Every structure is written in C-alpha cells, then in structure tokens.
Amino acid sequence: MLRKRHGKSTAAVILSALCTVILLAATSDAPSAPTAGAGPRAVSTPYVVLGFNDLGMHCMNEDCSELLILPPFNNIHAQVVDRTHGSPEIVTQGITVEYVMPSNTRSSDKTNFWTYSQALLGANIPPDVGVTGSKLSGLMTRTPGGNDYSVIGVPVTPIDDAGRENPYPLATVTAKRNGVVMGTTQVVVPVSWEIGCNICHNTPGISTATDILRKHDVLHGTQLESSKPVLCAGCHADPALGTPGQPGVSNFSSAMHLSHAPRMEQAGLANECYACHPGVRTLCQRDVHLARGMHCNDCHVSMEAVGDPVRTPWIDEPKCGDCHQADHPTWEFEEPGKNFKESRGHRGIMCASCHGSPHAITPTITAADNVQAITAQGHAGRIDTCTVCHSQTPDDPFPHRLSDDD
C-alpha cells in the first residue's frame, strides 16, 4: 500500500486565483543532533532569511499549441528569523519580503503558453504573468495560517535569459523593514520541460501531441484531436491546478499512472519515473536519499500505487516519519494532517527551511540546491549549525520537536 496522509491542499487558493486572472483579463538521512560551529557563517546579521520551494520539481509544457499538461507555475516560501533575542523568533509583521529571478526576468519569449492561454484556460493572461497573477519578481505575502511568506504560481521556465537550459534557476529573496535590508537568501525554483512523451508517442508524420490525442480518441471515444489545444485537466481533476474535472472521469494522476504503468517497459529506462518526472537529464530526485542508494519507489512504492484512485494527488504523500521514526522514536516529524513541505519543527521553523525542498533534501548532487546552506553556515547539508538562527549555541540537547521553545 502507498503510504498515505491527509492534509490541507492549496488547490482552492490556486483555483480562486486562476478565476481572478480570468476575470481580470501559479529528508535528509535520519537527522542527527546539530553540530555547533560546523562551519563559519558567511553572514552574521541580526536576521537570517531561509527559503525553499515546495514542489521539488515542476514539469511544464514547452509547446502548448496542441495540449497542456501543466503551465509555467512555481512556488517560493521564505521565513525571516530574528537572532537578537538569544532564541530565534520568526518575524511575521512589519516587514516586506521580495523575490526576483535574476537569470530569468522574462518567460513569454521562451514558450508559447501565453499565445494559447485563452483557448486553454479561458483567460487572456498577460505575458510573463502566471495563472495566479504572480510575476517573475514582486512581493511575497504571508502564507494563510502560516508563519512564512510565499508566492504561488511564478511563471518561470527552464531557459534563462541568455538562452541556456537550467532546470535549477535561483531566486533571490530579500527581507526589508522600512526599506532597509534585513537579510537575503537564494532559493532554487526547479522547472523542466524535458518530460519525455516522445519516447513512446513517436508515430512518423505527426507530432507527439497529436499522437497522444489520437490514441486517446481511439481508446476512449473522445474527439480531442479535433479540439486542439486541449487542457488535460479540463476533464481529469488536478489538485495541482485546482481543476475539478468531469464527473465519472478519473483524476489526472490516476489516469496517467494507471494507463502507463503496464507500458513502461518499452521505454527502456532504468528509472521508469523519468519518462515523465521529468527526464534523465534533469534528474528530479537529486537529494541525499539518491546518494544513499534510494530511488523513487522506495517512497512512492510503484506507479500503480501512485495511481490508486482513492489517493488524492499532492495530498496523500509519503511521510518522513514512516522511516525515520524508527531511528528517533522521541522526535516529531510531520505535523498531524500535514505533509513535510507544510510542517514546522523547532520553534516554528519550517522543516524545509532547514532540510531543503522535497526531492532536494540537502546535501544534494546539484550545486544550486546547496547554495543557501553554504551561505548560511559554511557547509552544505541540512541547517545544523545552531548559530544560524541562535545568537549563541544552546546548552541543551536538540529535541527535534515543534513543542520545543528553547
């Protein structure tokens, strides 16, 4: 059985924002106690900013002229920590938090998504604006019910402004008070369009997208080929976009995983997941688990398990505590009813602020994912140098619990 949990989805928020745009016109290995003084801090300001992406990887279409699986869409989160009181205090008032994509200041000349947004989504979305109204730079806002700041739906692509492919571009996040910089950090905003439908959908004389739609028409009696461009989530519910789908039609994740599971052998990949998530070059799973010999199915079990119709995509996910609780029975891992990416730990710090993003639990094999930790504490890996957030190293043992206030 796939390990499951139930928690709050951002689907409603995303769908609401999408509607607004339409009307107007996105673990580490078993953790050990932190080591004081593990490396020199590159900065020693009164405040520290820690950020993360909550998707791990976003797989989008490069060409949207015939079908759309997912549009340009990415999320950035950040917490601002006050170090001046001995124990860290998370700042949630009286500040502004800004983000910018220095290497990716535009996207509309890199994909034709904006050309077809009206036909696909019923919205004439302005160039370089995402489906939630977010842009490639701007202000982050307080996450509803949280103690972090976030921006949802940043329309970044894997091609930088110089035309180079980079699935791991860095966003710069800066916190200010009264216009004065309090601190800054860099956060990977992962995105790829390597998704390899063409591995199997390669009928001579027609495009990959037409091959997909034609086969769907034959198997399911639809008329998608004559209805291009087609939004897959228009029929198949997709919590990633907040689309409800059509009654009696399986959700998008279930449809994709269950229909392709018995056919993956013909792809000839060592890791079948990389046919779609998103490819062998991008290497979506790049974290410490990979370095320790783990692969996708060690957590996700199988394509059939991921495609289980009773599973809610993006909500029912594997939990860190399923494996790590055995080694640390007194520690807390995910909060009840929440995923890793939504959970908080020691003094309200988000788990991902210290450990890194999903599929990028630090240290990772990609240099960009390690930039924040190296800048903050002088070495890669989880944030385990106490003085990143504390003005002095605490005397008591680190409990790895949300209830800890020291």
Protein backbone atom coordinates (compact mmCIF):
# COMPACT_ATOMS: atom_id res chain seq x y z
CA MET A 1 0.00 0.00 0.00
CA LEU A 2 1.14 3.51 -0.70
CA ARG A 3 1.85 5.41 2.49
CA LYS A 4 -0.89 8.00 2.85
CA ARG A 5 -1.78 11.05 4.81
CA HIS A 6 -4.46 13.64 4.53
CA GLY A 7 -3.86 17.34 4.76
CA LYS A 8 -4.91 20.73 3.56
CA SER A 9 -4.41 21.45 -0.16
CA THR A 10 -3.65 24.77 -1.79
CA ALA A 11 -5.92 23.79 -4.67
CA ALA A 12 -8.72 26.08 -3.55
CA VAL A 13 -6.30 29.00 -3.30
CA ILE A 14 -4.90 28.29 -6.76
CA LEU A 15 -8.31 27.87 -8.35
CA SER A 16 -9.55 31.08 -6.76
CA ALA A 17 -6.52 32.97 -8.06
CA LEU A 18 -6.97 31.46 -11.52
CA CYS A 19 -10.58 32.65 -11.54
CA THR A 20 -9.38 36.12 -10.59
CA VAL A 21 -6.97 36.16 -13.52
CA ILE A 22 -9.78 35.08 -15.84
CA LEU A 23 -11.99 37.87 -14.59
CA LEU A 24 -9.13 40.34 -14.88
CA ALA A 25 -8.25 39.54 -18.30
CA ALA A 26 0.79 29.86 -10.19
CA THR A 27 14.73 14.04 4.32
CA SER A 28 17.67 14.15 4.69
CA ASP A 29 19.07 10.94 6.06
CA ALA A 30 17.86 10.20 9.58
CA PRO A 31 18.68 13.54 11.15
CA SER A 32 21.26 13.83 13.87
CA ALA A 33 21.72 16.44 16.55
CA PRO A 34 23.12 19.67 15.07
CA THR A 35 26.80 20.33 15.46
CA ALA A 36 27.76 23.71 16.84
CA GLY A 37 30.43 25.50 14.90
CA ALA A 38 30.34 23.05 11.99
CA GLY A 39 31.50 25.82 9.69
CA PRO A 40 31.94 29.60 9.66
CA ARG A 41 28.86 31.64 8.98
CA ALA A 42 29.23 33.60 5.78
CA VAL A 43 26.92 36.26 7.25
CA SER A 44 26.30 37.26 10.86
CA THR A 45 23.48 39.78 10.70
CA PRO A 46 20.73 40.19 13.32
CA TYR A 47 18.35 38.42 10.95
CA VAL A 48 18.53 35.38 8.71
CA VAL A 49 16.28 34.52 5.76
CA LEU A 50 15.66 30.86 4.89
CA GLY A 51 13.67 29.83 1.85
CA PHE A 52 12.51 26.79 -0.08
CA ASN A 53 10.41 25.57 -2.98
CA ASP A 54 7.53 23.26 -2.08
CA LEU A 55 7.25 21.37 -5.37
CA GLY A 56 10.65 19.69 -5.66
CA MET A 57 10.26 19.93 -9.43
CA HIS A 58 7.67 21.44 -11.73
CA CYS A 59 7.16 19.69 -15.06
CA MET A 60 5.66 22.02 -17.67
CA ASN A 61 5.00 22.00 -21.41
CA GLU A 62 7.37 23.80 -23.72
CA ASP A 63 4.83 23.72 -26.58
CA CYS A 64 1.22 24.41 -25.59
CA SER A 65 -0.24 24.69 -29.09
CA GLU A 66 -1.91 21.24 -29.02
CA LEU A 67 -2.25 20.18 -25.40
CA LEU A 68 -1.40 21.44 -21.93
CA ILE A 69 -0.37 19.19 -19.09
CA LEU A 70 0.90 21.95 -16.78
CA PRO A 71 1.60 25.65 -17.39
CA PRO A 72 4.58 27.67 -16.09
CA PHE A 73 3.93 27.55 -12.34
CA ASN A 74 6.22 27.58 -9.33
CA ASN A 75 6.17 28.43 -5.64
CA ILE A 76 8.64 30.11 -3.30
CA HIS A 77 8.45 30.21 0.51
CA ALA A 78 10.64 32.07 2.99
CA GLN A 79 10.93 32.63 6.73
CA VAL A 80 12.62 35.58 8.40
CA VAL A 81 14.30 34.81 11.74
CA ASP A 82 15.28 37.38 14.36
CA ARG A 83 18.52 36.22 16.06
CA THR A 84 18.82 39.10 18.53
CA HIS A 85 16.87 37.55 21.43
CA GLY A 86 19.06 34.54 22.09
CA SER A 87 16.49 32.05 20.90
CA PRO A 88 15.20 32.65 17.36
CA GLU A 89 11.94 34.50 16.81
CA ILE A 90 10.15 34.27 13.48
CA VAL A 91 9.24 37.70 12.10
CA THR A 92 5.78 37.93 10.61
CA GLN A 93 4.87 41.62 10.88
CA GLY A 94 6.23 44.99 9.86
CA ILE A 95 8.40 43.70 7.04
CA THR A 96 8.30 43.20 3.28
CA VAL A 97 9.68 40.14 1.55
CA GLU A 98 10.66 40.49 -2.10
CA TYR A 99 11.64 37.91 -4.71
CA VAL A 100 13.32 38.20 -8.09
CA MET A 101 14.61 35.73 -10.69
CA PRO A 102 17.90 37.38 -11.73
CA SER A 103 18.65 34.94 -14.58
CA ASN A 104 15.02 34.62 -15.71
CA THR A 105 13.45 38.06 -15.96
CA ARG A 106 11.10 37.03 -18.77
CA SER A 107 9.38 33.84 -19.97
CA SER A 108 6.94 34.76 -22.72
CA ASP A 109 9.60 34.55 -25.45
CA LYS A 110 10.61 31.03 -24.33
CA THR A 111 7.28 29.19 -24.57
CA ASN A 112 4.03 29.75 -26.46
CA PHE A 113 1.89 29.28 -23.35
CA TRP A 114 0.66 32.90 -23.42
CA THR A 115 -0.35 32.60 -27.07
CA TYR A 116 -2.74 29.78 -26.21
CA SER A 117 -3.81 30.72 -22.68
CA GLN A 118 -7.19 32.00 -23.83
CA ALA A 119 -8.00 28.82 -25.73
CA LEU A 120 -6.72 26.56 -22.95
CA LEU A 121 -7.83 28.37 -19.80
CA GLY A 122 -10.40 30.88 -20.97
CA ALA A 123 -8.10 33.69 -19.88
CA ASN A 124 -6.02 36.08 -21.94
CA ILE A 125 -3.17 36.07 -19.43
CA PRO A 126 -0.68 38.93 -19.95
CA PRO A 127 2.88 37.96 -21.00
CA ASP A 128 5.18 36.95 -18.13
CA VAL A 129 2.26 36.69 -15.72
CA GLY A 130 1.36 33.32 -14.23
CA VAL A 131 -2.08 31.76 -13.88
CA THR A 132 -2.38 33.10 -10.32
CA GLY A 133 -1.32 36.61 -11.31
CA SER A 134 2.23 36.23 -9.98
CA LYS A 135 5.18 37.57 -11.97
CA LEU A 136 8.90 36.81 -12.14
CA SER A 137 9.57 39.37 -9.42
CA GLY A 138 7.48 41.05 -6.79
CA LEU A 139 6.34 40.88 -3.19
CA MET A 140 5.68 37.70 -1.25
CA THR A 141 2.74 37.61 1.16
CA ARG A 142 2.08 35.86 4.45
CA THR A 143 1.02 32.28 3.83
CA PRO A 144 -2.56 31.91 5.16
CA GLY A 145 -2.38 30.23 8.55
CA GLY A 146 1.40 30.07 8.45
CA ASN A 147 4.41 31.97 9.75
CA ASP A 148 6.18 32.13 6.40
CA TYR A 149 5.91 34.32 3.32
CA SER A 150 5.15 32.84 -0.08
CA VAL A 151 4.41 33.49 -3.72
CA ILE A 152 2.37 30.96 -5.70
CA GLY A 153 2.46 30.42 -9.46
CA VAL A 154 5.71 32.11 -10.55
CA PRO A 155 5.84 31.56 -14.35
CA VAL A 156 9.49 30.59 -14.68
CA THR A 157 10.81 28.36 -17.49
CA PRO A 158 13.98 26.21 -17.66
CA ILE A 159 15.58 28.56 -20.20
CA ASP A 160 17.42 31.58 -18.83
CA ASP A 161 17.61 34.99 -20.48
CA ALA A 162 20.84 34.01 -22.25
CA GLY A 163 19.11 31.03 -23.87
CA ARG A 164 20.77 28.40 -21.70
CA GLU A 165 18.87 25.44 -20.27
CA ASN A 166 18.88 25.41 -16.48
CA PRO A 167 16.23 23.43 -14.60
CA TYR A 168 17.52 24.80 -11.28
CA PRO A 169 17.47 28.61 -11.51
CA LEU A 170 17.95 30.61 -8.32
CA ALA A 171 15.53 33.19 -6.98
CA THR A 172 16.85 35.91 -4.69
CA VAL A 173 14.63 36.55 -1.68
CA THR A 174 15.16 39.74 0.34
CA ALA A 175 13.50 40.83 3.58
CA LYS A 176 13.25 44.53 4.37
CA ARG A 177 12.00 46.69 7.20
CA ASN A 178 11.23 50.32 6.40
CA GLY A 179 13.19 49.89 3.18
CA VAL A 180 16.32 48.64 4.97
CA VAL A 181 17.57 45.17 4.03
CA MET A 182 17.32 42.72 6.92
CA GLY A 183 18.65 39.69 5.10
CA THR A 184 18.65 37.78 1.84
CA THR A 185 18.91 34.23 0.55
CA GLN A 186 18.83 32.28 -2.70
CA VAL A 187 16.25 29.60 -3.40
CA VAL A 188 16.15 27.06 -6.23
CA VAL A 189 12.95 27.31 -8.29
CA PRO A 190 13.08 23.97 -10.15
CA VAL A 191 11.38 23.61 -13.52
CA SER A 192 11.80 21.34 -16.52
CA TRP A 193 10.04 20.57 -19.80
CA GLU A 194 12.13 17.51 -20.57
CA ILE A 195 9.03 15.33 -20.00
CA GLY A 196 9.53 12.51 -22.48
CA CYS A 197 6.16 11.71 -24.07
CA ASN A 198 8.07 11.32 -27.36
CA ILE A 199 9.83 8.22 -26.01
CA CYS A 200 6.70 6.24 -26.89
CA HIS A 201 4.45 8.70 -28.73
CA ASN A 202 6.53 8.96 -31.91
CA THR A 203 4.33 7.96 -34.82
CA PRO A 204 6.03 9.16 -38.04
CA GLY A 205 4.42 12.10 -39.77
CA ILE A 206 2.55 13.56 -36.77
CA SER A 207 3.58 15.48 -33.67
CA THR A 208 3.95 13.87 -30.28
CA ALA A 209 0.91 15.79 -29.02
CA THR A 210 -1.24 14.69 -31.95
CA ASP A 211 -0.14 11.09 -31.37
CA ILE A 212 -1.27 11.36 -27.73
CA LEU A 213 -4.63 12.89 -28.58
CA ARG A 214 -5.29 10.46 -31.44
CA LYS A 215 -4.59 7.43 -29.25
CA HIS A 216 -6.82 8.88 -26.53
CA ASP A 217 -9.62 9.28 -29.08
CA VAL A 218 -9.26 5.66 -30.22
CA LEU A 219 -9.18 4.23 -26.69
CA HIS A 220 -11.86 6.40 -25.09
CA GLY A 221 -14.14 7.52 -27.91
CA THR A 222 -13.26 11.19 -27.50
CA GLN A 223 -12.67 13.83 -30.18
CA LEU A 224 -9.65 15.58 -28.72
CA GLU A 225 -7.58 15.73 -31.90
CA SER A 226 -10.20 17.97 -33.50
CA SER A 227 -10.47 20.10 -30.35
CA LYS A 228 -6.87 21.28 -30.07
CA PRO A 229 -5.50 22.86 -27.94
CA VAL A 230 -6.64 20.58 -25.13
CA LEU A 231 -6.25 21.14 -21.38
CA CYS A 232 -5.83 17.68 -19.85
CA ALA A 233 -7.09 18.94 -16.50
CA GLY A 234 -10.26 20.15 -18.17
CA CYS A 235 -11.62 16.61 -17.92
CA HIS A 236 -9.27 15.00 -15.40
CA ALA A 237 -9.35 16.68 -11.97
CA ASP A 238 -5.94 18.02 -10.99
CA PRO A 239 -5.30 19.37 -7.47
CA ALA A 240 -2.07 20.92 -8.78
CA LEU A 241 -4.21 23.37 -10.75
CA GLY A 242 -7.35 23.23 -8.64
CA THR A 243 -9.46 21.96 -11.53
CA PRO A 244 -12.46 19.80 -10.56
CA GLY A 245 -12.54 17.68 -13.73
CA GLN A 246 -15.68 16.00 -15.02
CA PRO A 247 -17.94 13.54 -13.16
CA GLY A 248 -17.01 9.92 -13.72
CA VAL A 249 -13.57 10.77 -15.14
CA SER A 250 -10.50 9.70 -13.16
CA ASN A 251 -8.21 12.35 -11.76
CA PHE A 252 -5.21 13.23 -13.91
CA SER A 253 -2.60 11.50 -11.75
CA SER A 254 -4.58 8.27 -11.57
CA ALA A 255 -5.30 8.28 -15.30
CA MET A 256 -1.67 8.87 -16.23
CA HIS A 257 -0.06 6.42 -13.82
CA LEU A 258 -2.52 3.55 -14.23
CA SER A 259 -2.68 3.79 -18.02
CA HIS A 260 1.09 3.94 -18.46
CA ALA A 261 2.22 1.51 -15.74
CA PRO A 262 1.83 -1.65 -17.88
CA ARG A 263 3.51 0.02 -20.86
CA MET A 264 6.67 1.43 -19.30
CA GLU A 265 8.94 -1.47 -20.19
CA GLN A 266 9.04 -0.31 -23.81
CA ALA A 267 10.56 3.00 -22.71
CA GLY A 268 13.77 1.17 -21.79
CA LEU A 269 14.61 3.41 -18.83
CA ALA A 270 16.46 2.30 -15.73
CA ASN A 271 14.09 4.54 -13.75
CA GLU A 272 10.65 4.46 -15.39
CA CYS A 273 9.55 7.56 -13.47
CA TYR A 274 11.98 9.67 -15.50
CA ALA A 275 9.88 9.23 -18.62
CA CYS A 276 7.68 11.99 -17.20
CA HIS A 277 9.16 13.32 -13.94
CA PRO A 278 10.67 14.99 -15.88
CA GLY A 279 13.62 13.19 -17.51
CA VAL A 280 17.03 11.58 -17.21
CA ARG A 281 18.90 14.85 -17.82
CA THR A 282 17.00 16.88 -15.26
CA LEU A 283 17.28 14.22 -12.53
CA CYS A 284 14.34 15.29 -10.38
CA GLN A 285 15.40 13.16 -7.40
CA ARG A 286 18.77 14.69 -6.60
CA ASP A 287 18.92 14.62 -2.83
CA VAL A 288 20.73 12.76 -0.07
CA HIS A 289 18.40 9.78 -0.48
CA LEU A 290 19.72 9.23 -4.01
CA ALA A 291 23.28 9.47 -2.71
CA ARG A 292 22.41 6.69 -0.26
CA GLY A 293 21.07 4.40 -2.96
CA MET A 294 17.34 5.13 -2.67
CA HIS A 295 15.07 5.61 -5.66
CA CYS A 296 11.53 6.82 -6.36
CA ASN A 297 9.73 3.59 -5.48
CA ASP A 298 11.43 3.33 -2.09
CA CYS A 299 8.99 6.05 -1.02
CA HIS A 300 6.27 6.02 -3.68
CA VAL A 301 6.05 2.19 -3.96
CA SER A 302 5.00 1.87 -7.62
CA MET A 303 3.19 3.60 -10.46
CA GLU A 304 0.10 1.55 -9.63
CA ALA A 305 0.21 2.74 -6.03
CA VAL A 306 0.63 6.37 -7.06
CA GLY A 307 -2.29 5.95 -9.45
CA ASP A 308 -4.61 4.42 -6.85
CA PRO A 309 -7.99 6.09 -7.49
CA VAL A 310 -8.61 6.55 -3.75
CA ARG A 311 -5.40 8.53 -3.38
CA THR A 312 -5.63 12.33 -3.60
CA PRO A 313 -2.68 13.61 -5.67
CA TRP A 314 -0.43 16.17 -3.97
CA ILE A 315 -2.22 15.49 -0.67
CA ASP A 316 -1.58 11.81 0.08
CA GLU A 317 2.21 11.69 0.11
CA PRO A 318 4.94 9.58 1.79
CA LYS A 319 5.96 10.79 5.25
CA CYS A 320 9.45 11.23 6.66
CA GLY A 321 8.28 9.70 9.92
CA ASP A 322 7.38 6.44 8.15
CA CYS A 323 11.08 5.58 8.01
CA HIS A 324 12.91 7.92 10.39
CA GLN A 325 10.65 7.44 13.42
CA ALA A 326 12.22 4.02 14.00
CA ASP A 327 15.64 5.60 14.50
CA HIS A 328 14.38 8.52 16.59
CA PRO A 329 11.20 7.42 18.41
CA THR A 330 11.05 10.54 20.63
CA TRP A 331 11.34 13.00 17.74
CA GLU A 332 8.50 14.64 15.85
CA PHE A 333 8.41 14.65 12.09
CA GLU A 334 5.46 15.91 10.01
CA GLU A 335 2.76 17.72 11.93
CA PRO A 336 -0.51 15.79 12.16
CA GLY A 337 -2.51 16.22 8.96
CA LYS A 338 0.31 17.92 7.10
CA ASN A 339 2.98 16.99 4.56
CA PHE A 340 6.69 17.65 5.01
CA LYS A 341 6.51 20.78 2.88
CA GLU A 342 3.79 22.25 5.15
CA SER A 343 5.16 21.16 8.53
CA ARG A 344 7.04 23.10 11.18
CA GLY A 345 9.56 21.96 13.74
CA HIS A 346 11.86 23.55 16.32
CA ARG A 347 10.49 26.98 17.31
CA GLY A 348 8.14 27.02 14.34
CA ILE A 349 10.84 26.76 11.69
CA MET A 350 9.50 25.05 8.57
CA CYS A 351 11.01 21.60 8.06
CA ALA A 352 12.01 22.53 4.51
CA SER A 353 13.76 25.71 5.71
CA CYS A 354 16.39 23.52 7.37
CA HIS A 355 16.26 20.29 5.37
CA GLY A 356 15.59 21.56 1.86
CA SER A 357 12.78 21.10 -0.61
CA PRO A 358 11.01 17.83 -1.48
CA HIS A 359 13.26 15.68 -3.72
CA ALA A 360 16.09 18.06 -2.83
CA ILE A 361 16.77 17.16 0.82
CA THR A 362 20.25 18.50 1.35
CA PRO A 363 23.04 17.88 0.65
CA THR A 364 22.07 17.38 -2.99
CA ILE A 365 24.07 16.42 -6.06
CA THR A 366 23.11 19.72 -7.70
CA ALA A 367 25.20 22.68 -6.60
CA ALA A 368 22.36 25.22 -6.71
CA ASP A 369 20.33 23.40 -4.05
CA ASN A 370 23.26 23.68 -1.63
CA VAL A 371 23.82 27.43 -2.04
CA GLN A 372 21.56 28.52 0.82
CA ALA A 373 23.10 26.19 3.41
CA ILE A 374 26.67 27.03 2.38
CA THR A 375 25.90 30.75 2.59
CA ALA A 376 24.19 30.43 5.97
CA GLN A 377 26.58 28.06 7.76
CA GLY A 378 29.64 27.46 5.61
CA HIS A 379 28.82 23.89 4.54
CA ALA A 380 26.21 22.02 2.55
CA GLY A 381 23.52 19.82 4.06
CA ARG A 382 20.67 20.49 6.46
CA ILE A 383 20.92 23.65 8.53
CA ASP A 384 22.52 22.09 11.62
CA THR A 385 24.73 24.93 12.87
CA CYS A 386 22.77 26.34 15.80
CA THR A 387 24.13 29.86 15.41
CA VAL A 388 22.48 30.27 12.03
CA CYS A 389 19.33 31.15 13.99
CA HIS A 390 20.52 31.38 17.63
CA SER A 391 22.80 34.18 18.74
CA GLN A 392 24.59 31.62 20.94
CA THR A 393 24.77 27.84 20.83
CA PRO A 394 22.17 26.38 23.23
CA ASP A 395 23.41 24.18 26.08
CA ASP A 396 20.51 21.72 26.00
CA PRO A 397 20.19 18.85 23.51
CA PHE A 398 18.27 19.45 20.32
CA PRO A 399 14.87 17.71 20.65
CA HIS A 400 13.59 17.88 17.03
CA ARG A 401 10.10 18.77 18.23
CA LEU A 402 7.63 21.52 17.35
CA SER A 403 6.85 21.87 21.06
CA ASP A 404 10.44 22.93 21.82
CA ASP A 405 10.62 26.65 22.66
CA ASP A 406 14.30 26.99 23.53
